[in-house]
Amino acid sequence: MDGTKRTNIKPGLHVNIVLKEDQRTGTLTEGYVQDILTKSPTHPHGIKVRLETGEVGRVKEILPED
């Protein structure tokens, strides 16, 4: 699924995000979506979310559920 479309992102979804401080390196942070922060239906760099850990970043990958 596409991490640039808000309709694909739901609370509890398992994702990889890029934190603001990791944008230069592209380091991914894995977690579960708590809140969707982007209000627009799409964003070219990924929908901004808050993970259950409190970390905020843009969705780069939606991971398959086990």
PDB file of N, CA and C in Angstrom:
ATOM      1  N   MET A   1       0.836  -1.195   0.000  1.00  0.00           N
ATOM      2  CA  MET A   1       0.000   0.000   0.000  1.00  0.00           C
ATOM      3  C   MET A   1       0.872   1.246   0.000  1.00  0.00           C
ATOM      4  N   ASP A   2       0.271   2.322  -0.395  1.00  0.00           N
ATOM      5  CA  ASP A   2       0.968   3.583  -0.601  1.00  0.00           C
ATOM      6  C   ASP A   2       0.918   4.454   0.659  1.00  0.00           C
ATOM      7  N   GLY A   3       2.085   4.808   1.187  1.00  0.00           N
ATOM      8  CA  GLY A   3       2.172   5.641   2.387  1.00  0.00           C
ATOM      9  C   GLY A   3       1.954   7.114   2.134  1.00  0.00           C
ATOM     10  N   THR A   4       1.700   7.500   0.859  1.00  0.00           N
ATOM     11  CA  THR A   4       1.451   8.911   0.550  1.00  0.00           C
ATOM     12  C   THR A   4      -0.039   9.242   0.525  1.00  0.00           C
ATOM     13  N   LYS A   5      -0.902   8.239   0.706  1.00  0.00           N
ATOM     14  CA  LYS A   5      -2.354   8.456   0.683  1.00  0.00           C
ATOM     15  C   LYS A   5      -2.931   8.260   2.078  1.00  0.00           C
ATOM     16  N   ARG A   6      -3.630   9.270   2.559  1.00  0.00           N
ATOM     17  CA  ARG A   6      -4.186   9.253   3.915  1.00  0.00           C
ATOM     18  C   ARG A   6      -5.182   8.110   4.109  1.00  0.00           C
ATOM     19  N   THR A   7      -5.912   7.752   3.053  1.00  0.00           N
ATOM     20  CA  THR A   7      -6.927   6.691   3.164  1.00  0.00           C
ATOM     21  C   THR A   7      -6.303   5.331   3.465  1.00  0.00           C
ATOM     22  N   ASN A   8      -5.005   5.156   3.171  1.00  0.00           N
ATOM     23  CA  ASN A   8      -4.325   3.882   3.434  1.00  0.00           C
ATOM     24  C   ASN A   8      -3.823   3.759   4.866  1.00  0.00           C
ATOM     25  N   ILE A   9      -3.827   4.856   5.618  1.00  0.00           N
ATOM     26  CA  ILE A   9      -3.231   4.879   6.954  1.00  0.00           C
ATOM     27  C   ILE A   9      -4.340   4.837   8.006  1.00  0.00           C
ATOM     28  N   LYS A  10      -4.214   3.911   8.945  1.00  0.00           N
ATOM     29  CA  LYS A  10      -5.201   3.768  10.026  1.00  0.00           C
ATOM     30  C   LYS A  10      -4.458   3.590  11.347  1.00  0.00           C
ATOM     31  N   PRO A  11      -5.038   4.047  12.463  1.00  0.00           N
ATOM     32  CA  PRO A  11      -4.424   3.773  13.770  1.00  0.00           C
ATOM     33  C   PRO A  11      -4.244   2.272  13.977  1.00  0.00           C
ATOM     34  N   GLY A  12      -3.095   1.896  14.540  1.00  0.00           N
ATOM     35  CA  GLY A  12      -2.781   0.493  14.774  1.00  0.00           C
ATOM     36  C   GLY A  12      -2.016  -0.163  13.637  1.00  0.00           C
ATOM     37  N   LEU A  13      -1.876   0.539  12.508  1.00  0.00           N
ATOM     38  CA  LEU A  13      -1.164  -0.004  11.352  1.00  0.00           C
ATOM     39  C   LEU A  13       0.332  -0.095  11.641  1.00  0.00           C
ATOM     40  N   HIS A  14       0.966  -1.179  11.198  1.00  0.00           N
ATOM     41  CA  HIS A  14       2.407  -1.420  11.378  1.00  0.00           C
ATOM     42  C   HIS A  14       3.142  -0.752  10.214  1.00  0.00           C
ATOM     43  N   VAL A  15       4.018   0.223  10.510  1.00  0.00           N
ATOM     44  CA  VAL A  15       4.665   1.023   9.471  1.00  0.00           C
ATOM     45  C   VAL A  15       6.138   1.268   9.771  1.00  0.00           C
ATOM     46  N   ASN A  16       6.857   1.682   8.738  1.00  0.00           N
ATOM     47  CA  ASN A  16       8.187   2.269   8.877  1.00  0.00           C
ATOM     48  C   ASN A  16       8.053   3.745   8.539  1.00  0.00           C
ATOM     49  N   ILE A  17       8.616   4.608   9.387  1.00  0.00           N
ATOM     50  CA  ILE A  17       8.581   6.045   9.142  1.00  0.00           C
ATOM     51  C   ILE A  17      10.004   6.589   9.112  1.00  0.00           C
ATOM     52  N   VAL A  18      10.138   7.796   8.556  1.00  0.00           N
ATOM     53  CA  VAL A  18      11.394   8.541   8.647  1.00  0.00           C
ATOM     54  C   VAL A  18      11.139   9.725   9.562  1.00  0.00           C
ATOM     55  N   LEU A  19      11.893   9.788  10.659  1.00  0.00           N
ATOM     56  CA  LEU A  19      11.803  10.904  11.592  1.00  0.00           C
ATOM     57  C   LEU A  19      12.419  12.144  10.949  1.00  0.00           C
ATOM     58  N   LYS A  20      12.006  13.341  11.405  1.00  0.00           N
ATOM     59  CA  LYS A  20      12.534  14.599  10.877  1.00  0.00           C
ATOM     60  C   LYS A  20      14.065  14.608  10.917  1.00  0.00           C
ATOM     61  N   GLU A  21      14.633  14.177  12.051  1.00  0.00           N
ATOM     62  CA  GLU A  21      16.094  14.211  12.198  1.00  0.00           C
ATOM     63  C   GLU A  21      16.806  13.156  11.347  1.00  0.00           C
ATOM     64  N   ASP A  22      16.046  12.208  10.787  1.00  0.00           N
ATOM     65  CA  ASP A  22      16.641  11.155   9.957  1.00  0.00           C
ATOM     66  C   ASP A  22      16.399  11.371   8.464  1.00  0.00           C
ATOM     67  N   GLN A  23      15.842  12.528   8.088  1.00  0.00           N
ATOM     68  CA  GLN A  23      15.518  12.752   6.680  1.00  0.00           C
ATOM     69  C   GLN A  23      16.751  12.714   5.785  1.00  0.00           C
ATOM     70  N   ARG A  24      17.887  13.196   6.273  1.00  0.00           N
ATOM     71  CA  ARG A  24      19.114  13.193   5.458  1.00  0.00           C
ATOM     72  C   ARG A  24      19.630  11.778   5.229  1.00  0.00           C
ATOM     73  N   THR A  25      19.555  10.940   6.252  1.00  0.00           N
ATOM     74  CA  THR A  25      20.095   9.582   6.147  1.00  0.00           C
ATOM     75  C   THR A  25      19.060   8.584   5.637  1.00  0.00           C
ATOM     76  N   GLY A  26      17.769   8.890   5.816  1.00  0.00           N
ATOM     77  CA  GLY A  26      16.716   7.973   5.401  1.00  0.00           C
ATOM     78  C   GLY A  26      16.520   6.803   6.349  1.00  0.00           C
ATOM     79  N   THR A  27      17.081   6.909   7.564  1.00  0.00           N
ATOM     80  CA  THR A  27      16.941   5.836   8.552  1.00  0.00           C
ATOM     81  C   THR A  27      15.468   5.634   8.893  1.00  0.00           C
ATOM     82  N   LEU A  28      15.021   4.376   8.847  1.00  0.00           N
ATOM     83  CA  LEU A  28      13.618   4.059   9.119  1.00  0.00           C
ATOM     84  C   LEU A  28      13.417   3.700  10.585  1.00  0.00           C
ATOM     85  N   THR A  29      12.258   4.080  11.109  1.00  0.00           N
ATOM     86  CA  THR A  29      11.849   3.740  12.468  1.00  0.00           C
ATOM     87  C   THR A  29      10.556   2.945  12.365  1.00  0.00           C
ATOM     88  N   GLU A  30      10.535   1.763  12.963  1.00  0.00           N
ATOM     89  CA  GLU A  30       9.375   0.873  12.883  1.00  0.00           C
ATOM     90  C   GLU A  30       8.457   1.106  14.070  1.00  0.00           C
ATOM     91  N   GLY A  31       7.150   1.031  13.827  1.00  0.00           N
ATOM     92  CA  GLY A  31       6.206   1.164  14.924  1.00  0.00           C
ATOM     93  C   GLY A  31       4.774   1.052  14.450  1.00  0.00           C
ATOM     94  N   TYR A  32       3.864   1.351  15.372  1.00  0.00           N
ATOM     95  CA  TYR A  32       2.430   1.272  15.108  1.00  0.00           C
ATOM     96  C   TYR A  32       1.820   2.664  15.200  1.00  0.00           C
ATOM     97  N   VAL A  33       0.979   3.007  14.223  1.00  0.00           N
ATOM     98  CA  VAL A  33       0.365   4.331  14.139  1.00  0.00           C
ATOM     99  C   VAL A  33      -0.576   4.556  15.319  1.00  0.00           C
ATOM    100  N   GLN A  34      -0.398   5.689  15.991  1.00  0.00           N
ATOM    101  CA  GLN A  34      -1.331   6.116  17.036  1.00  0.00           C
ATOM    102  C   GLN A  34      -2.261   7.196  16.485  1.00  0.00           C
ATOM    103  N   ASP A  35      -1.671   8.232  15.853  1.00  0.00           N
ATOM    104  CA  ASP A  35      -2.451   9.351  15.313  1.00  0.00           C
ATOM    105  C   ASP A  35      -1.973   9.683  13.910  1.00  0.00           C
ATOM    106  N   ILE A  36      -2.910  10.138  13.069  1.00  0.00           N
ATOM    107  CA  ILE A  36      -2.579  10.639  11.736  1.00  0.00           C
ATOM    108  C   ILE A  36      -2.546  12.160  11.842  1.00  0.00           C
ATOM    109  N   LEU A  37      -1.409  12.763  11.497  1.00  0.00           N
ATOM    110  CA  LEU A  37      -1.228  14.199  11.682  1.00  0.00           C
ATOM    111  C   LEU A  37      -1.450  15.003  10.402  1.00  0.00           C
ATOM    112  N   THR A  38      -1.245  14.411   9.227  1.00  0.00           N
ATOM    113  CA  THR A  38      -1.476  15.100   7.954  1.00  0.00           C
ATOM    114  C   THR A  38      -2.975  15.220   7.726  1.00  0.00           C
ATOM    115  N   LYS A  39      -3.426  16.435   7.410  1.00  0.00           N
ATOM    116  CA  LYS A  39      -4.861  16.663   7.177  1.00  0.00           C
ATOM    117  C   LYS A  39      -5.251  16.481   5.709  1.00  0.00           C
ATOM    118  N   SER A  40      -4.318  16.717   4.781  1.00  0.00           N
ATOM    119  CA  SER A  40      -4.641  16.602   3.359  1.00  0.00           C
ATOM    120  C   SER A  40      -4.744  15.128   2.949  1.00  0.00           C
ATOM    121  N   PRO A  41      -5.462  14.831   1.859  1.00  0.00           N
ATOM    122  CA  PRO A  41      -5.657  13.437   1.452  1.00  0.00           C
ATOM    123  C   PRO A  41      -4.379  12.738   0.983  1.00  0.00           C
ATOM    124  N   THR A  42      -3.403  13.508   0.475  1.00  0.00           N
ATOM    125  CA  THR A  42      -2.132  12.929   0.034  1.00  0.00           C
ATOM    126  C   THR A  42      -0.985  13.855   0.413  1.00  0.00           C
ATOM    127  N   HIS A  43       0.228  13.302   0.446  1.00  0.00           N
ATOM    128  CA  HIS A  43       1.440  14.102   0.642  1.00  0.00           C
ATOM    129  C   HIS A  43       2.566  13.390  -0.094  1.00  0.00           C
ATOM    130  N   PRO A  44       3.312  14.112  -0.939  1.00  0.00           N
ATOM    131  CA  PRO A  44       4.337  13.455  -1.768  1.00  0.00           C
ATOM    132  C   PRO A  44       5.457  12.779  -0.980  1.00  0.00           C
ATOM    133  N   HIS A  45       5.723  13.233   0.249  1.00  0.00           N
ATOM    134  CA  HIS A  45       6.805  12.646   1.054  1.00  0.00           C
ATOM    135  C   HIS A  45       6.297  11.630   2.071  1.00  0.00           C
ATOM    136  N   GLY A  46       4.993  11.382   2.082  1.00  0.00           N
ATOM    137  CA  GLY A  46       4.414  10.426   3.028  1.00  0.00           C
ATOM    138  C   GLY A  46       3.539  11.123   4.051  1.00  0.00           C
ATOM    139  N   ILE A  47       2.523  10.425   4.505  1.00  0.00           N
ATOM    140  CA  ILE A  47       1.595  10.952   5.505  1.00  0.00           C
ATOM    141  C   ILE A  47       2.310  11.025   6.854  1.00  0.00           C
ATOM    142  N   LYS A  48       2.183  12.166   7.527  1.00  0.00           N
ATOM    143  CA  LYS A  48       2.832  12.336   8.834  1.00  0.00           C
ATOM    144  C   LYS A  48       1.965  11.687   9.912  1.00  0.00           C
ATOM    145  N   VAL A  49       2.609  10.859  10.740  1.00  0.00           N
ATOM    146  CA  VAL A  49       1.905  10.137  11.802  1.00  0.00           C
ATOM    147  C   VAL A  49       2.683  10.227  13.112  1.00  0.00           C
ATOM    148  N   ARG A  50       1.978   9.960  14.201  1.00  0.00           N
ATOM    149  CA  ARG A  50       2.603   9.769  15.516  1.00  0.00           C
ATOM    150  C   ARG A  50       2.492   8.293  15.837  1.00  0.00           C
ATOM    151  N   LEU A  51       3.622   7.682  16.187  1.00  0.00           N
ATOM    152  CA  LEU A  51       3.621   6.276  16.579  1.00  0.00           C
ATOM    153  C   LEU A  51       3.182   6.137  18.029  1.00  0.00           C
ATOM    154  N   GLU A  52       2.878   4.914  18.442  1.00  0.00           N
ATOM    155  CA  GLU A  52       2.488   4.644  19.835  1.00  0.00           C
ATOM    156  C   GLU A  52       3.598   5.012  20.808  1.00  0.00           C
ATOM    157  N   THR A  53       4.850   5.096  20.316  1.00  0.00           N
ATOM    158  CA  THR A  53       5.994   5.481  21.151  1.00  0.00           C
ATOM    159  C   THR A  53       6.106   6.993  21.303  1.00  0.00           C
ATOM    160  N   GLY A  54       5.288   7.755  20.548  1.00  0.00           N
ATOM    161  CA  GLY A  54       5.339   9.211  20.589  1.00  0.00           C
ATOM    162  C   GLY A  54       6.199   9.816  19.493  1.00  0.00           C
ATOM    163  N   GLU A  55       6.931   8.985  18.750  1.00  0.00           N
ATOM    164  CA  GLU A  55       7.778   9.490  17.668  1.00  0.00           C
ATOM    165  C   GLU A  55       6.905   9.933  16.492  1.00  0.00           C
ATOM    166  N   VAL A  56       7.338  11.019  15.820  1.00  0.00           N
ATOM    167  CA  VAL A  56       6.582  11.586  14.707  1.00  0.00           C
ATOM    168  C   VAL A  56       7.439  11.552  13.448  1.00  0.00           C
ATOM    169  N   GLY A  57       6.838  11.104  12.350  1.00  0.00           N
ATOM    170  CA  GLY A  57       7.550  11.080  11.076  1.00  0.00           C
ATOM    171  C   GLY A  57       6.599  10.757   9.943  1.00  0.00           C
ATOM    172  N   ARG A  58       7.164  10.646   8.747  1.00  0.00           N
ATOM    173  CA  ARG A  58       6.362  10.378   7.550  1.00  0.00           C
ATOM    174  C   ARG A  58       6.454   8.905   7.156  1.00  0.00           C
ATOM    175  N   VAL A  59       5.302   8.337   6.796  1.00  0.00           N
ATOM    176  CA  VAL A  59       5.223   6.914   6.443  1.00  0.00           C
ATOM    177  C   VAL A  59       5.978   6.666   5.139  1.00  0.00           C
ATOM    178  N   LYS A  60       6.929   5.734   5.191  1.00  0.00           N
ATOM    179  CA  LYS A  60       7.681   5.319   4.004  1.00  0.00           C
ATOM    180  C   LYS A  60       7.274   3.926   3.555  1.00  0.00           C
ATOM    181  N   GLU A  61       6.881   3.073   4.492  1.00  0.00           N
ATOM    182  CA  GLU A  61       6.462   1.706   4.160  1.00  0.00           C
ATOM    183  C   GLU A  61       5.321   1.297   5.077  1.00  0.00           C
ATOM    184  N   ILE A  62       4.359   0.603   4.504  1.00  0.00           N
ATOM    185  CA  ILE A  62       3.316  -0.042   5.293  1.00  0.00           C
ATOM    186  C   ILE A  62       3.691  -1.516   5.345  1.00  0.00           C
ATOM    187  N   LEU A  63       3.895  -2.022   6.544  1.00  0.00           N
ATOM    188  CA  LEU A  63       4.395  -3.387   6.722  1.00  0.00           C
ATOM    189  C   LEU A  63       3.245  -4.384   6.791  1.00  0.00           C
ATOM    190  N   PRO A  64       3.461  -5.597   6.271  1.00  0.00           N
ATOM    191  CA  PRO A  64       2.409  -6.619   6.341  1.00  0.00           C
ATOM    192  C   PRO A  64       2.169  -7.056   7.781  1.00  0.00           C
ATOM    193  N   GLU A  65       0.922  -7.358   8.078  1.00  0.00           N
ATOM    194  CA  GLU A  65       0.584  -7.865   9.414  1.00  0.00           C
ATOM    195  C   GLU A  65       0.994  -9.325   9.497  1.00  0.00           C
ATOM    196  N   ASP A  66       1.482  -9.731  10.659  1.00  0.00           N
ATOM    197  CA  ASP A  66       1.924 -11.121  10.848  1.00  0.00           C
ATOM    198  C   ASP A  66       0.740 -12.057  10.951  1.00  0.00           C
TER     199      ASP A  66
END
